[in-house]
Amino acid sequence: MKQFVVGIGILFLVGCTPKSWVKNQAAGAALGTSYSILYISDGELDYQKEIDSVFQVLNQSMSTYIPSSDISRINEGDSTIIVDEMFQDVFKTSSAVHKASDGYFDPTVGVLANAWGFGPGEQMDLDSLKVDSLLAYVGWEKVQLNKDGTISKMHPSIRFDFNAVAKGYAIDRLGALLDAKGIENYLVEVGGEVLTKGTNVVSGKKWSVGIDDPQVEVGRQLKLIVSLENKAMASSGNYRKFRVDPITGEKYVHTINPKTGFTKNSSVLAASVVANNCAEADAYATAFMAMDLVDSKKLLETEDDLEAYIIFLDDNGETKEFMTPGFNELIRN
């Protein structure tokens, strides 16, 4: 049996292809990362143009790296923009996860992401006073999606950053595209986050997805493999996304605590979340990186549609793992 890795931690197990099935694949670069889409049908198909269109529309709506995008114009103070359905979906998902996570998921951290060097804006030399002043422009309660589709901000300096949910949402939109085409078996992967439907009918098994070992900084090594069917999974971790100060050598991780304004150097190394859609999986994986483990466990006890796997360091600095019973059932032995 052949094995090969696609994207980040995505493992396809492929056997002999039955003549009745055709594996159609689209791959490339988008949203600052790579993507790979495998969709199985009874004939050759090519949806590359439609796939490119999804990325294009999403970028125009929510990319902070495109000055003419809706989110960039809103960030610069344009209150006349009527946002599209995708922006509204992401806003509503963000509101739900913000509430469930007690505010640890907050896409208004854009001004802090820029200041810490993780966004398109100007990086700053930060101390406690500067961080405290920037927190005046952070807070989900300070923004509102109006009935007419416009966005209100309590202060013009508030900046949205949907990077922790938009990639997952893009995957959901790609899945919706394939659903509309009548595709019943597919795996959509963007930057290591995935959405599955049906099974890998080529091999006769569920889709197999690998999770990276967060303590391997050079190269990649799989920590475990899970089997997914009609589910999405997203992972977040501080083991690759960080910035090192060239003068002090201090490491700044990409997870920002929206309550303190500082980057979060916590005991949690990585979090993987399985949900019914990838936007929620993406958002909750980010939230769990900012939350204390005990609070993440409490949240998971109340959310029946979420399963999670969290790698953390205990008080002695030893690597430990926590996973919900439902996640444990997904592990491929």
Foldseek 3Di string as FASTA:
>chain_A
DDWDDDFPQFIFDFDDFDLQKDWEKDWDDAPNGIKIKTFMDRDYDDPPVVLVVLRVVLCLAAPCVDCNRPQNVQLQPDQPDQGDPLVVVLLVLQVVVCVLLVNQQFQQLVVLCQCCPNGPHHHHDDDQVVLVVCLVLTDNVQKDQDPRRTIDGVDSNRHGHSSLQSVLSSQVVVVVVCVVVVTQFMWIDTNQKIFTEAAPVSVPFAGKGFDWDLVDLPDTDTPFIFGDHLKIKDKDFQSHAWDADPPPRDIAGSQARSVSSGGDPFQWGMKMKMANTRSNNSSLRSSCVNDDPVSNVVSPVVDPRMWMKIWGADPVRDIDIDTDPVRVVGTDD
